[in-house]
Every structure is written in C-alpha cells, then in structure tokens.
Amino acid sequence: MPPVPSIQRAVAFFDGQNLFHAAREAFGYEYPNYSPLPLATRICDSKGWSLQEVRFYTGVPSASDSPFWNRFWSAKLGTMGHQGIVVFSRPLRYRNRVIKLRGGNSLSQLVGEEKGIDVRIALDVIRAVRKGSLDVALIFSQDQDFSEVADEVRIIAAEQGRWVKIATAFPISPTSRNCRGINKTDWIRIQRADYDACIDPKDYRP
C-alpha cells in the first residue's frame, strides 16, 4: 500500500449541468447559482486537501437557440476565467424529444443535449493522474459513466506505485431522488448549509 502523501493535492472537476440539476432537485434553485471556487475550497478544506486547481465544464446554447442562457453562461464563464478557473464549454445540440402525456397524447419539445463534456472531463482526470499533478480528483457530478474513470485511476496509481483518491461531490436533501455518488469513488454529500455558503453573489440572468 503506497504511503498517503503529507500534502494531498486536489483538483476539482465540475460537471456544470449535472451539478445544477442536482441542486435544483435537492434545494429548489431554478438557475445555476453556485460559485465553483468557494464550493471546491470549502470541501477541500473540510477534508484537509490542498486545492490546486478548479476546472469547469458545461454545454452552452447558441445565441440563436437561447439568447437568455447564452448571455447567462457567457457572463458566468467570463467571471470564472477571471478567478483562475479553467473553463471548457461546448455548444449544446438540440433535438426534438417526444414526451408522452396522460390520456395518450404526446408533446414534441426541443431539448438541448451536451455532447463531449463527460468525455472531456474523463480525459482531463486521467491525464492529470498520469502526469502526477494531483493526489485527489474531486468530481462534482453523479454521472455513473465516471465509474470507469475511477477504475482507470486505480490502475494508473498502481502502475506508478502511489496513492491517489477519486471522490465525487453532490447536493443532497430529502427531496433528492438520486442519493448516490459515482460508483467506486468516495462520496461527499453537499448539505444545503454548505451549498448556500457558496452561492455566487452575482446574478447573471439578463
């Protein structure tokens, strides 16, 4: 068993949309009002980890598809960049989704879908582990696709003969339907008091 480093360097990876939907379900917030840097700092401090970097990933709709959310994310991501957060965004792709209603009727609704965000996060986590630039990969998401990343992280750590932890953080409350973190990772449950202490003081809604 490799020794635990005296200083455990952490890098936080935010799955922006996944975190928003979890916070909406848990706490009732209607827009992404969290501030990633304070949230990552708060969790790392509580665990005794040394936060080295914050990385944020999200899909962003085009101005033609959704002027409101395009302006929102452009402003919020710009502020994150000034805070030293590494930002990665991809255009949302839209497709019609048929929703079945009670009584047998159906409704066609245009829905935005992220493409490539989870792949980018996975690649960046694995690259950071291979480079030895972190001891703790802290992922803000409940996307179970990342369980395969956890397997790969353990393989790399064993090959390098060093200690590496992968943890996932997510909001939770009695109204949360999904109460699970990512399989094969340490789960960190974000309570409302901790989330509310890290709300962004700026409202980027136009």
N, C-alpha and C. Protein backbone atom coordinates (compact mmCIF):
# COMPACT_ATOMS: atom_id res chain seq x y z
N MET A 1 0.85 -1.20 0.00
CA MET A 1 0.00 0.00 0.00
C MET A 1 0.88 1.24 0.00
N PRO A 2 0.78 2.08 -1.05
CA PRO A 2 1.61 3.29 -1.09
C PRO A 2 1.28 4.23 0.07
N PRO A 3 2.27 4.96 0.57
CA PRO A 3 2.01 5.87 1.68
C PRO A 3 1.13 7.04 1.25
N VAL A 4 0.31 7.51 2.18
CA VAL A 4 -0.53 8.69 1.93
C VAL A 4 0.35 9.93 1.99
N PRO A 5 0.35 10.77 0.96
CA PRO A 5 1.21 11.97 0.99
C PRO A 5 0.81 12.91 2.11
N SER A 6 1.79 13.58 2.67
CA SER A 6 1.51 14.50 3.77
C SER A 6 0.68 15.69 3.31
N ILE A 7 0.91 16.14 2.08
CA ILE A 7 0.08 17.17 1.46
C ILE A 7 -0.66 16.53 0.29
N GLN A 8 -1.97 16.47 0.38
CA GLN A 8 -2.78 15.83 -0.64
C GLN A 8 -3.32 16.88 -1.60
N ARG A 9 -2.72 16.94 -2.78
CA ARG A 9 -3.07 17.96 -3.78
C ARG A 9 -4.36 17.54 -4.50
N ALA A 10 -5.33 18.45 -4.50
CA ALA A 10 -6.62 18.16 -5.11
C ALA A 10 -6.87 19.06 -6.31
N VAL A 11 -7.51 18.47 -7.33
CA VAL A 11 -8.01 19.23 -8.47
C VAL A 11 -9.51 18.95 -8.55
N ALA A 12 -10.31 20.01 -8.67
CA ALA A 12 -11.76 19.89 -8.73
C ALA A 12 -12.22 19.97 -10.18
N PHE A 13 -13.09 19.03 -10.55
CA PHE A 13 -13.65 18.96 -11.90
C PHE A 13 -15.17 19.11 -11.78
N PHE A 14 -15.71 20.19 -12.31
CA PHE A 14 -17.14 20.47 -12.20
C PHE A 14 -17.88 20.09 -13.48
N ASP A 15 -18.83 19.17 -13.36
CA ASP A 15 -19.78 18.88 -14.42
C ASP A 15 -20.94 19.86 -14.21
N GLY A 16 -20.87 21.02 -14.86
CA GLY A 16 -21.73 22.15 -14.53
C GLY A 16 -23.21 21.86 -14.60
N GLN A 17 -23.67 21.21 -15.66
CA GLN A 17 -25.10 20.94 -15.80
C GLN A 17 -25.56 19.87 -14.82
N ASN A 18 -24.75 18.85 -14.60
CA ASN A 18 -25.12 17.80 -13.66
C ASN A 18 -25.28 18.37 -12.26
N LEU A 19 -24.36 19.25 -11.86
CA LEU A 19 -24.43 19.87 -10.54
C LEU A 19 -25.68 20.74 -10.43
N PHE A 20 -26.00 21.49 -11.47
CA PHE A 20 -27.18 22.35 -11.44
C PHE A 20 -28.46 21.53 -11.25
N HIS A 21 -28.61 20.47 -12.03
CA HIS A 21 -29.84 19.67 -11.92
C HIS A 21 -29.96 19.01 -10.55
N ALA A 22 -28.84 18.60 -9.98
CA ALA A 22 -28.88 18.01 -8.64
C ALA A 22 -29.25 19.05 -7.59
N ALA A 23 -28.72 20.28 -7.73
CA ALA A 23 -29.04 21.34 -6.78
C ALA A 23 -30.49 21.79 -6.92
N ARG A 24 -31.00 21.78 -8.13
CA ARG A 24 -32.41 22.16 -8.34
C ARG A 24 -33.33 21.15 -7.66
N GLU A 25 -33.00 19.87 -7.81
CA GLU A 25 -33.84 18.84 -7.20
C GLU A 25 -33.71 18.84 -5.68
N ALA A 26 -32.50 19.05 -5.19
CA ALA A 26 -32.28 18.99 -3.75
C ALA A 26 -32.75 20.25 -3.02
N PHE A 27 -32.49 21.42 -3.62
CA PHE A 27 -32.71 22.67 -2.89
C PHE A 27 -33.73 23.60 -3.55
N GLY A 28 -34.17 23.27 -4.76
CA GLY A 28 -35.20 24.07 -5.41
C GLY A 28 -34.73 25.28 -6.18
N TYR A 29 -33.43 25.42 -6.37
CA TYR A 29 -32.93 26.58 -7.12
C TYR A 29 -33.21 26.43 -8.61
N GLU A 30 -33.61 27.53 -9.24
CA GLU A 30 -34.08 27.48 -10.62
C GLU A 30 -33.02 27.86 -11.65
N TYR A 31 -31.85 28.22 -11.22
CA TYR A 31 -30.76 28.50 -12.15
C TYR A 31 -29.44 28.18 -11.47
N PRO A 32 -28.36 28.01 -12.23
CA PRO A 32 -27.06 27.64 -11.63
C PRO A 32 -26.47 28.80 -10.82
N ASN A 33 -26.77 28.82 -9.54
CA ASN A 33 -26.36 29.96 -8.70
C ASN A 33 -25.14 29.65 -7.84
N TYR A 34 -24.52 28.50 -8.03
CA TYR A 34 -23.35 28.14 -7.24
C TYR A 34 -22.10 28.86 -7.76
N SER A 35 -21.13 29.00 -6.88
CA SER A 35 -19.83 29.57 -7.25
C SER A 35 -18.79 28.46 -7.07
N PRO A 36 -18.21 27.96 -8.16
CA PRO A 36 -17.36 26.77 -8.08
C PRO A 36 -16.15 26.90 -7.16
N LEU A 37 -15.45 28.04 -7.23
CA LEU A 37 -14.22 28.17 -6.43
C LEU A 37 -14.47 28.08 -4.93
N PRO A 38 -15.42 28.85 -4.37
CA PRO A 38 -15.70 28.69 -2.93
C PRO A 38 -16.20 27.29 -2.56
N LEU A 39 -17.00 26.67 -3.45
CA LEU A 39 -17.53 25.35 -3.15
C LEU A 39 -16.42 24.31 -3.10
N ALA A 40 -15.53 24.36 -4.09
CA ALA A 40 -14.40 23.42 -4.10
C ALA A 40 -13.48 23.67 -2.90
N THR A 41 -13.24 24.93 -2.58
CA THR A 41 -12.38 25.28 -1.45
C THR A 41 -12.97 24.79 -0.14
N ARG A 42 -14.28 24.96 0.02
CA ARG A 42 -14.94 24.56 1.26
C ARG A 42 -14.83 23.04 1.48
N ILE A 43 -15.05 22.29 0.42
CA ILE A 43 -14.99 20.84 0.56
C ILE A 43 -13.55 20.38 0.80
N CYS A 44 -12.61 20.93 0.04
CA CYS A 44 -11.21 20.53 0.23
C CYS A 44 -10.71 20.88 1.63
N ASP A 45 -11.08 22.05 2.12
CA ASP A 45 -10.67 22.43 3.48
C ASP A 45 -11.24 21.47 4.52
N SER A 46 -12.48 21.02 4.31
CA SER A 46 -13.10 20.12 5.29
C SER A 46 -12.42 18.75 5.31
N LYS A 47 -11.76 18.39 4.19
CA LYS A 47 -11.09 17.10 4.08
C LYS A 47 -9.58 17.19 4.32
N GLY A 48 -9.07 18.40 4.48
CA GLY A 48 -7.63 18.57 4.66
C GLY A 48 -6.85 18.47 3.38
N TRP A 49 -7.51 18.68 2.24
CA TRP A 49 -6.84 18.62 0.95
C TRP A 49 -6.38 20.01 0.52
N SER A 50 -5.31 20.06 -0.24
CA SER A 50 -4.78 21.33 -0.75
C SER A 50 -5.28 21.52 -2.19
N LEU A 51 -6.22 22.44 -2.36
CA LEU A 51 -6.81 22.67 -3.68
C LEU A 51 -5.80 23.36 -4.60
N GLN A 52 -5.50 22.71 -5.70
CA GLN A 52 -4.51 23.21 -6.65
C GLN A 52 -5.15 23.90 -7.86
N GLU A 53 -6.31 23.41 -8.26
CA GLU A 53 -6.90 23.91 -9.50
C GLU A 53 -8.40 23.58 -9.52
N VAL A 54 -9.17 24.45 -10.17
CA VAL A 54 -10.59 24.20 -10.39
C VAL A 54 -10.85 24.23 -11.89
N ARG A 55 -11.53 23.22 -12.38
CA ARG A 55 -11.85 23.11 -13.80
C ARG A 55 -13.36 22.96 -13.94
N PHE A 56 -13.93 23.71 -14.89
CA PHE A 56 -15.39 23.75 -15.03
C PHE A 56 -15.78 23.43 -16.47
N TYR A 57 -16.80 22.58 -16.61
CA TYR A 57 -17.21 22.09 -17.93
C TYR A 57 -18.72 22.23 -18.08
N THR A 58 -19.16 22.77 -19.22
CA THR A 58 -20.60 22.88 -19.45
C THR A 58 -20.92 23.04 -20.93
N GLY A 59 -22.13 22.65 -21.29
CA GLY A 59 -22.64 22.97 -22.61
C GLY A 59 -23.30 24.34 -22.58
N VAL A 60 -23.18 25.08 -23.68
CA VAL A 60 -23.75 26.43 -23.77
C VAL A 60 -24.58 26.53 -25.05
N PRO A 61 -25.85 26.96 -24.96
CA PRO A 61 -26.65 27.11 -26.17
C PRO A 61 -26.18 28.30 -27.00
N SER A 62 -26.42 28.24 -28.28
CA SER A 62 -26.05 29.35 -29.14
C SER A 62 -27.00 30.53 -28.90
N ALA A 63 -26.57 31.71 -29.31
CA ALA A 63 -27.40 32.91 -29.13
C ALA A 63 -28.70 32.81 -29.92
N SER A 64 -28.67 32.11 -31.03
CA SER A 64 -29.89 31.97 -31.83
C SER A 64 -30.88 30.99 -31.20
N ASP A 65 -30.37 29.94 -30.55
CA ASP A 65 -31.26 28.95 -29.93
C ASP A 65 -31.84 29.46 -28.61
N SER A 66 -31.00 30.10 -27.79
CA SER A 66 -31.46 30.58 -26.49
C SER A 66 -30.65 31.81 -26.08
N PRO A 67 -31.08 33.00 -26.50
CA PRO A 67 -30.34 34.22 -26.14
C PRO A 67 -30.16 34.38 -24.63
N PHE A 68 -31.19 34.01 -23.86
CA PHE A 68 -31.14 34.17 -22.40
C PHE A 68 -30.00 33.37 -21.80
N TRP A 69 -29.98 32.04 -22.08
CA TRP A 69 -28.96 31.20 -21.46
C TRP A 69 -27.60 31.39 -22.09
N ASN A 70 -27.54 31.81 -23.33
CA ASN A 70 -26.25 32.12 -23.94
C ASN A 70 -25.60 33.30 -23.22
N ARG A 71 -26.37 34.33 -22.94
CA ARG A 71 -25.83 35.50 -22.22
C ARG A 71 -25.48 35.13 -20.79
N PHE A 72 -26.33 34.31 -20.17
CA PHE A 72 -26.07 33.90 -18.79
C PHE A 72 -24.72 33.19 -18.69
N TRP A 73 -24.52 32.17 -19.50
CA TRP A 73 -23.30 31.38 -19.40
C TRP A 73 -22.08 32.15 -19.88
N SER A 74 -22.25 33.00 -20.87
CA SER A 74 -21.11 33.80 -21.33
C SER A 74 -20.60 34.69 -20.20
N ALA A 75 -21.53 35.31 -19.46
CA ALA A 75 -21.13 36.18 -18.35
C ALA A 75 -20.55 35.38 -17.19
N LYS A 76 -21.19 34.26 -16.84
CA LYS A 76 -20.73 33.47 -15.69
C LYS A 76 -19.38 32.83 -15.98
N LEU A 77 -19.21 32.29 -17.17
CA LEU A 77 -17.92 31.68 -17.52
C LEU A 77 -16.81 32.72 -17.59
N GLY A 78 -17.15 33.93 -18.03
CA GLY A 78 -16.16 35.00 -18.07
C GLY A 78 -15.66 35.34 -16.67
N THR A 79 -16.57 35.39 -15.71
CA THR A 79 -16.18 35.66 -14.32
C THR A 79 -15.30 34.53 -13.78
N MET A 80 -15.67 33.29 -14.09
CA MET A 80 -14.85 32.15 -13.64
C MET A 80 -13.43 32.25 -14.18
N GLY A 81 -13.31 32.62 -15.45
CA GLY A 81 -11.99 32.75 -16.04
C GLY A 81 -11.14 33.77 -15.31
N HIS A 82 -11.75 34.88 -14.89
CA HIS A 82 -11.01 35.91 -14.16
C HIS A 82 -10.62 35.42 -12.76
N GLN A 83 -11.32 34.40 -12.25
CA GLN A 83 -10.99 33.85 -10.94
C GLN A 83 -9.90 32.78 -11.03
N GLY A 84 -9.43 32.50 -12.23
CA GLY A 84 -8.39 31.48 -12.41
C GLY A 84 -8.92 30.09 -12.66
N ILE A 85 -10.25 29.96 -12.82
CA ILE A 85 -10.85 28.65 -13.10
C ILE A 85 -10.62 28.31 -14.58
N VAL A 86 -10.23 27.07 -14.85
CA VAL A 86 -10.08 26.61 -16.23
C VAL A 86 -11.46 26.22 -16.74
N VAL A 87 -11.91 26.87 -17.81
CA VAL A 87 -13.27 26.69 -18.31
C VAL A 87 -13.24 25.94 -19.65
N PHE A 88 -14.12 24.96 -19.76
CA PHE A 88 -14.29 24.23 -21.02
C PHE A 88 -15.77 24.21 -21.36
N SER A 89 -16.15 24.71 -22.53
CA SER A 89 -17.55 24.72 -22.93
C SER A 89 -17.70 24.17 -24.34
N ARG A 90 -18.86 23.60 -24.57
CA ARG A 90 -19.21 23.07 -25.87
C ARG A 90 -20.60 23.55 -26.24
N PRO A 91 -20.89 23.77 -27.53
CA PRO A 91 -22.25 24.15 -27.92
C PRO A 91 -23.24 23.02 -27.62
N LEU A 92 -24.40 23.39 -27.11
CA LEU A 92 -25.46 22.42 -26.93
C LEU A 92 -26.04 22.06 -28.30
N ARG A 93 -26.37 20.79 -28.47
CA ARG A 93 -27.05 20.35 -29.67
C ARG A 93 -28.51 20.10 -29.34
N TYR A 94 -29.39 20.55 -30.22
CA TYR A 94 -30.81 20.44 -29.95
C TYR A 94 -31.47 19.38 -30.83
N ARG A 95 -32.41 18.66 -30.23
CA ARG A 95 -33.21 17.69 -30.99
C ARG A 95 -34.60 17.64 -30.40
N ASN A 96 -35.55 17.20 -31.19
CA ASN A 96 -36.93 17.08 -30.72
C ASN A 96 -37.08 15.82 -29.88
N ARG A 97 -37.66 15.97 -28.71
CA ARG A 97 -37.94 14.83 -27.84
C ARG A 97 -39.45 14.74 -27.67
N VAL A 98 -40.00 13.57 -27.90
CA VAL A 98 -41.43 13.35 -27.76
C VAL A 98 -41.72 12.95 -26.32
N ILE A 99 -42.59 13.72 -25.66
CA ILE A 99 -42.98 13.46 -24.28
C ILE A 99 -44.42 12.97 -24.27
N LYS A 100 -44.64 11.79 -23.69
CA LYS A 100 -45.98 11.23 -23.61
C LYS A 100 -46.72 11.83 -22.42
N LEU A 101 -47.95 12.28 -22.68
CA LEU A 101 -48.77 12.89 -21.65
C LEU A 101 -49.86 11.92 -21.22
N ARG A 102 -50.47 12.23 -20.09
CA ARG A 102 -51.58 11.41 -19.62
C ARG A 102 -52.72 11.48 -20.63
N GLY A 103 -53.41 10.38 -20.79
CA GLY A 103 -54.52 10.35 -21.73
C GLY A 103 -54.11 9.89 -23.12
N GLY A 104 -52.81 9.61 -23.29
CA GLY A 104 -52.36 9.10 -24.57
C GLY A 104 -51.83 10.14 -25.52
N ASN A 105 -51.98 11.42 -25.18
CA ASN A 105 -51.45 12.47 -26.05
C ASN A 105 -49.93 12.57 -25.90
N SER A 106 -49.31 13.24 -26.84
CA SER A 106 -47.86 13.44 -26.79
C SER A 106 -47.51 14.87 -27.16
N LEU A 107 -46.35 15.29 -26.71
CA LEU A 107 -45.87 16.66 -26.95
C LEU A 107 -44.45 16.60 -27.45
N SER A 108 -44.16 17.31 -28.53
CA SER A 108 -42.81 17.39 -29.06
C SER A 108 -42.13 18.63 -28.51
N GLN A 109 -40.97 18.43 -27.88
CA GLN A 109 -40.27 19.53 -27.23
C GLN A 109 -38.81 19.55 -27.67
N LEU A 110 -38.30 20.76 -27.96
CA LEU A 110 -36.91 20.91 -28.35
C LEU A 110 -36.04 20.89 -27.10
N VAL A 111 -35.09 19.95 -27.05
CA VAL A 111 -34.28 19.74 -25.86
C VAL A 111 -32.80 19.87 -26.23
N GLY A 112 -32.06 20.63 -25.41
CA GLY A 112 -30.62 20.77 -25.62
C GLY A 112 -29.86 19.64 -24.95
N GLU A 113 -28.89 19.07 -25.66
CA GLU A 113 -28.10 17.97 -25.12
C GLU A 113 -26.62 18.28 -25.22
N GLU A 114 -25.90 17.93 -24.16
CA GLU A 114 -24.45 18.10 -24.16
C GLU A 114 -23.80 16.95 -24.90
N LYS A 115 -22.80 17.26 -25.68
CA LYS A 115 -22.02 16.23 -26.36
C LYS A 115 -20.54 16.46 -26.06
N GLY A 116 -19.90 15.46 -25.49
CA GLY A 116 -18.46 15.54 -25.30
C GLY A 116 -18.00 16.09 -23.97
N ILE A 117 -18.92 16.55 -23.12
CA ILE A 117 -18.50 17.12 -21.83
C ILE A 117 -17.94 16.04 -20.92
N ASP A 118 -18.68 14.93 -20.77
CA ASP A 118 -18.20 13.88 -19.88
C ASP A 118 -16.91 13.25 -20.38
N VAL A 119 -16.78 13.15 -21.72
CA VAL A 119 -15.54 12.61 -22.28
C VAL A 119 -14.37 13.52 -21.97
N ARG A 120 -14.59 14.84 -22.08
CA ARG A 120 -13.52 15.80 -21.80
C ARG A 120 -13.10 15.74 -20.35
N ILE A 121 -14.06 15.64 -19.44
CA ILE A 121 -13.72 15.53 -18.02
C ILE A 121 -12.91 14.27 -17.77
N ALA A 122 -13.38 13.16 -18.33
CA ALA A 122 -12.69 11.88 -18.13
C ALA A 122 -11.25 11.95 -18.62
N LEU A 123 -11.05 12.51 -19.80
CA LEU A 123 -9.70 12.62 -20.35
C LEU A 123 -8.80 13.49 -19.47
N ASP A 124 -9.36 14.59 -18.98
CA ASP A 124 -8.57 15.51 -18.17
C ASP A 124 -8.21 14.90 -16.82
N VAL A 125 -9.14 14.13 -16.22
CA VAL A 125 -8.82 13.45 -14.96
C VAL A 125 -7.69 12.45 -15.17
N ILE A 126 -7.82 11.63 -16.19
CA ILE A 126 -6.80 10.60 -16.45
C ILE A 126 -5.46 11.23 -16.79
N ARG A 127 -5.47 12.30 -17.57
CA ARG A 127 -4.22 12.98 -17.91
C ARG A 127 -3.53 13.53 -16.66
N ALA A 128 -4.33 14.15 -15.76
CA ALA A 128 -3.74 14.72 -14.54
C ALA A 128 -3.14 13.63 -13.65
N VAL A 129 -3.82 12.47 -13.59
CA VAL A 129 -3.29 11.38 -12.78
C VAL A 129 -2.00 10.84 -13.39
N ARG A 130 -1.98 10.67 -14.70
CA ARG A 130 -0.76 10.17 -15.37
C ARG A 130 0.41 11.12 -15.18
N LYS A 131 0.15 12.41 -15.21
CA LYS A 131 1.21 13.41 -15.05
C LYS A 131 1.66 13.53 -13.59
N GLY A 132 0.86 12.99 -12.68
CA GLY A 132 1.21 13.10 -11.27
C GLY A 132 0.95 14.48 -10.70
N SER A 133 0.02 15.22 -11.31
CA SER A 133 -0.23 16.60 -10.87
C SER A 133 -1.32 16.70 -9.81
N LEU A 134 -1.87 15.56 -9.38
CA LEU A 134 -2.86 15.57 -8.30
C LEU A 134 -2.75 14.29 -7.48
N ASP A 135 -3.24 14.38 -6.27
CA ASP A 135 -3.39 13.21 -5.42
C ASP A 135 -4.86 12.88 -5.20
N VAL A 136 -5.72 13.90 -5.36
CA VAL A 136 -7.17 13.73 -5.21
C VAL A 136 -7.87 14.33 -6.42
N ALA A 137 -8.65 13.52 -7.12
CA ALA A 137 -9.52 14.02 -8.19
C ALA A 137 -10.92 14.16 -7.60
N LEU A 138 -11.39 15.39 -7.48
CA LEU A 138 -12.69 15.69 -6.89
C LEU A 138 -13.66 16.07 -8.01
N ILE A 139 -14.63 15.19 -8.29
CA ILE A 139 -15.56 15.40 -9.39
C ILE A 139 -16.93 15.78 -8.85
N PHE A 140 -17.44 16.93 -9.28
CA PHE A 140 -18.77 17.38 -8.88
C PHE A 140 -19.77 16.86 -9.91
N SER A 141 -20.26 15.66 -9.69
CA SER A 141 -21.17 15.03 -10.63
C SER A 141 -21.69 13.74 -10.02
N GLN A 142 -22.83 13.28 -10.55
CA GLN A 142 -23.37 11.96 -10.21
C GLN A 142 -23.48 11.08 -11.45
N ASP A 143 -22.80 11.46 -12.50
CA ASP A 143 -22.85 10.71 -13.76
C ASP A 143 -22.08 9.40 -13.60
N GLN A 144 -22.79 8.29 -13.65
CA GLN A 144 -22.16 7.00 -13.41
C GLN A 144 -21.17 6.59 -14.50
N ASP A 145 -21.16 7.28 -15.62
CA ASP A 145 -20.14 7.00 -16.64
C ASP A 145 -18.73 7.18 -16.08
N PHE A 146 -18.60 8.02 -15.05
CA PHE A 146 -17.28 8.27 -14.48
C PHE A 146 -16.76 7.12 -13.62
N SER A 147 -17.59 6.10 -13.38
CA SER A 147 -17.11 4.95 -12.62
C SER A 147 -15.97 4.25 -13.38
N GLU A 148 -16.00 4.32 -14.70
CA GLU A 148 -14.91 3.73 -15.49
C GLU A 148 -13.63 4.54 -15.33
N VAL A 149 -13.78 5.84 -15.13
CA VAL A 149 -12.61 6.67 -14.85
C VAL A 149 -11.97 6.25 -13.53
N ALA A 150 -12.81 5.94 -12.54
CA ALA A 150 -12.29 5.50 -11.24
C ALA A 150 -11.46 4.23 -11.39
N ASP A 151 -11.93 3.31 -12.23
CA ASP A 151 -11.16 2.09 -12.47
C ASP A 151 -9.80 2.42 -13.08
N GLU A 152 -9.80 3.30 -14.06
CA GLU A 152 -8.55 3.65 -14.74
C GLU A 152 -7.59 4.37 -13.81
N VAL A 153 -8.13 5.23 -12.95
CA VAL A 153 -7.28 5.95 -11.98
C VAL A 153 -6.58 4.96 -11.07
N ARG A 154 -7.27 3.94 -10.61
CA ARG A 154 -6.66 2.95 -9.73
C ARG A 154 -5.57 2.16 -10.45
N ILE A 155 -5.80 1.85 -11.71
CA ILE A 155 -4.78 1.14 -12.48
C ILE A 155 -3.52 1.98 -12.62
N ILE A 156 -3.69 3.25 -12.96
CA ILE A 156 -2.55 4.15 -13.13
C ILE A 156 -1.80 4.31 -11.81
N ALA A 157 -2.55 4.50 -10.72
CA ALA A 157 -1.92 4.66 -9.40
C ALA A 157 -1.10 3.43 -9.04
N ALA A 158 -1.63 2.25 -9.34
CA ALA A 158 -0.90 1.02 -9.04
C ALA A 158 0.37 0.92 -9.88
N GLU A 159 0.27 1.30 -11.16
CA GLU A 159 1.44 1.27 -12.04
C GLU A 159 2.52 2.23 -11.56
N GLN A 160 2.08 3.39 -11.03
CA GLN A 160 3.04 4.39 -10.58
C GLN A 160 3.46 4.18 -9.13
N GLY A 161 2.79 3.26 -8.44
CA GLY A 161 3.13 2.99 -7.05
C GLY A 161 2.88 4.16 -6.13
N ARG A 162 1.77 4.86 -6.35
CA ARG A 162 1.48 6.00 -5.50
C ARG A 162 0.01 6.02 -5.09
N TRP A 163 -0.27 6.84 -4.07
CA TRP A 163 -1.61 6.97 -3.50
C TRP A 163 -2.40 8.00 -4.30
N VAL A 164 -3.58 7.62 -4.78
CA VAL A 164 -4.47 8.55 -5.47
C VAL A 164 -5.89 8.26 -5.03
N LYS A 165 -6.64 9.30 -4.71
CA LYS A 165 -8.04 9.17 -4.33
C LYS A 165 -8.91 9.83 -5.40
N ILE A 166 -10.07 9.23 -5.67
CA ILE A 166 -11.07 9.87 -6.53
C ILE A 166 -12.36 9.97 -5.74
N ALA A 167 -12.90 11.18 -5.66
CA ALA A 167 -14.10 11.45 -4.86
C ALA A 167 -15.12 12.19 -5.71
N THR A 168 -16.40 12.02 -5.37
CA THR A 168 -17.45 12.75 -6.06
C THR A 168 -18.31 13.48 -5.05
N ALA A 169 -18.65 14.72 -5.38
CA ALA A 169 -19.45 15.57 -4.50
C ALA A 169 -20.75 15.93 -5.19
N PHE A 170 -21.84 15.95 -4.39
CA PHE A 170 -23.16 16.20 -4.98
C PHE A 170 -24.11 16.72 -3.91
N PRO A 171 -25.03 17.62 -4.30
CA PRO A 171 -26.04 18.11 -3.35
C PRO A 171 -27.02 17.01 -2.99
N ILE A 172 -27.51 17.06 -1.78
CA ILE A 172 -28.47 16.05 -1.34
C ILE A 172 -29.41 16.66 -0.30
N SER A 173 -30.67 16.22 -0.32
CA SER A 173 -31.67 16.62 0.64
C SER A 173 -32.77 15.56 0.62
N PRO A 174 -33.77 15.68 1.49
CA PRO A 174 -34.87 14.69 1.46
C PRO A 174 -35.63 14.65 0.13
N THR A 175 -35.52 15.70 -0.69
CA THR A 175 -36.24 15.71 -1.97
C THR A 175 -35.41 15.13 -3.12
N SER A 176 -34.16 14.76 -2.85
CA SER A 176 -33.29 14.22 -3.91
C SER A 176 -33.74 12.80 -4.27
N ARG A 177 -33.95 12.57 -5.54
CA ARG A 177 -34.28 11.21 -5.99
C ARG A 177 -33.01 10.37 -6.14
N ASN A 178 -31.94 11.01 -6.56
CA ASN A 178 -30.67 10.30 -6.72
C ASN A 178 -29.79 10.64 -5.51
N CYS A 179 -29.59 9.68 -4.65
CA CYS A 179 -28.80 9.90 -3.43
C CYS A 179 -27.45 9.22 -3.49
N ARG A 180 -27.03 8.84 -4.68
CA ARG A 180 -25.79 8.10 -4.85
C ARG A 180 -24.73 8.95 -5.55
N GLY A 181 -23.49 8.80 -5.07
CA GLY A 181 -22.37 9.35 -5.80
C GLY A 181 -21.96 8.37 -6.90
N ILE A 182 -20.87 8.66 -7.55
CA ILE A 182 -20.39 7.80 -8.62
C ILE A 182 -19.80 6.53 -8.00
N ASN A 183 -20.17 5.40 -8.56
CA ASN A 183 -19.68 4.12 -8.05
C ASN A 183 -18.14 4.08 -8.06
N LYS A 184 -17.59 3.42 -7.06
CA LYS A 184 -16.15 3.20 -6.93
C LYS A 184 -15.38 4.48 -6.58
N THR A 185 -16.10 5.48 -6.07
CA THR A 185 -15.46 6.71 -5.59
C THR A 185 -15.92 6.97 -4.16
N ASP A 186 -15.19 7.85 -3.47
CA ASP A 186 -15.65 8.32 -2.17
C ASP A 186 -16.76 9.35 -2.38
N TRP A 187 -17.86 9.22 -1.65
CA TRP A 187 -18.99 10.13 -1.81
C TRP A 187 -18.92 11.26 -0.80
N ILE A 188 -19.12 12.48 -1.29
CA ILE A 188 -19.18 13.65 -0.42
C ILE A 188 -20.54 14.31 -0.64
N ARG A 189 -21.38 14.26 0.36
CA ARG A 189 -22.73 14.81 0.25
C ARG A 189 -22.73 16.28 0.64
N ILE A 190 -23.19 17.12 -0.27
CA ILE A 190 -23.22 18.57 -0.03
C ILE A 190 -24.56 18.93 0.60
N GLN A 191 -24.54 19.33 1.85
CA GLN A 191 -25.76 19.76 2.52
C GLN A 191 -26.10 21.20 2.14
N ARG A 192 -27.33 21.58 2.39
CA ARG A 192 -27.79 22.90 1.97
C ARG A 192 -26.97 24.03 2.60
N ALA A 193 -26.61 23.91 3.85
CA ALA A 193 -25.85 24.98 4.50
C ALA A 193 -24.52 25.21 3.80
N ASP A 194 -23.86 24.14 3.40
CA ASP A 194 -22.59 24.28 2.70
C ASP A 194 -22.79 24.87 1.30
N TYR A 195 -23.83 24.40 0.62
CA TYR A 195 -24.13 24.94 -0.71
C TYR A 195 -24.45 26.43 -0.63
N ASP A 196 -25.34 26.79 0.31
CA ASP A 196 -25.78 28.18 0.42
C ASP A 196 -24.64 29.12 0.78
N ALA A 197 -23.62 28.59 1.48
CA ALA A 197 -22.47 29.42 1.82
C ALA A 197 -21.61 29.73 0.60
N CYS A 198 -21.87 29.03 -0.51
CA CYS A 198 -21.06 29.20 -1.71
C CYS A 198 -21.88 29.67 -2.91
N ILE A 199 -23.00 30.32 -2.65
CA ILE A 199 -23.80 30.87 -3.74
C ILE A 199 -23.08 32.08 -4.33
N ASP A 200 -23.08 32.16 -5.64
CA ASP A 200 -22.45 33.28 -6.34
C ASP A 200 -23.20 34.57 -6.02
N PRO A 201 -22.51 35.60 -5.54
CA PRO A 201 -23.20 36.86 -5.23
C PRO A 201 -23.73 37.57 -6.46
N LYS A 202 -23.23 37.21 -7.63
CA LYS A 202 -23.71 37.84 -8.87
C LYS A 202 -24.82 36.99 -9.48
N ASP A 203 -25.84 37.68 -9.98
CA ASP A 203 -26.93 37.02 -10.72
C ASP A 203 -26.73 37.37 -12.19
N TYR A 204 -26.36 36.37 -12.98
CA TYR A 204 -26.01 36.63 -14.39
C TYR A 204 -27.20 36.56 -15.32
N ARG A 205 -28.39 36.39 -14.77
CA ARG A 205 -29.56 36.34 -15.64
C ARG A 205 -29.83 37.70 -16.24
N PRO A 206 -30.00 37.77 -17.57
CA PRO A 206 -30.23 39.09 -18.20
C PRO A 206 -31.63 39.61 -17.89
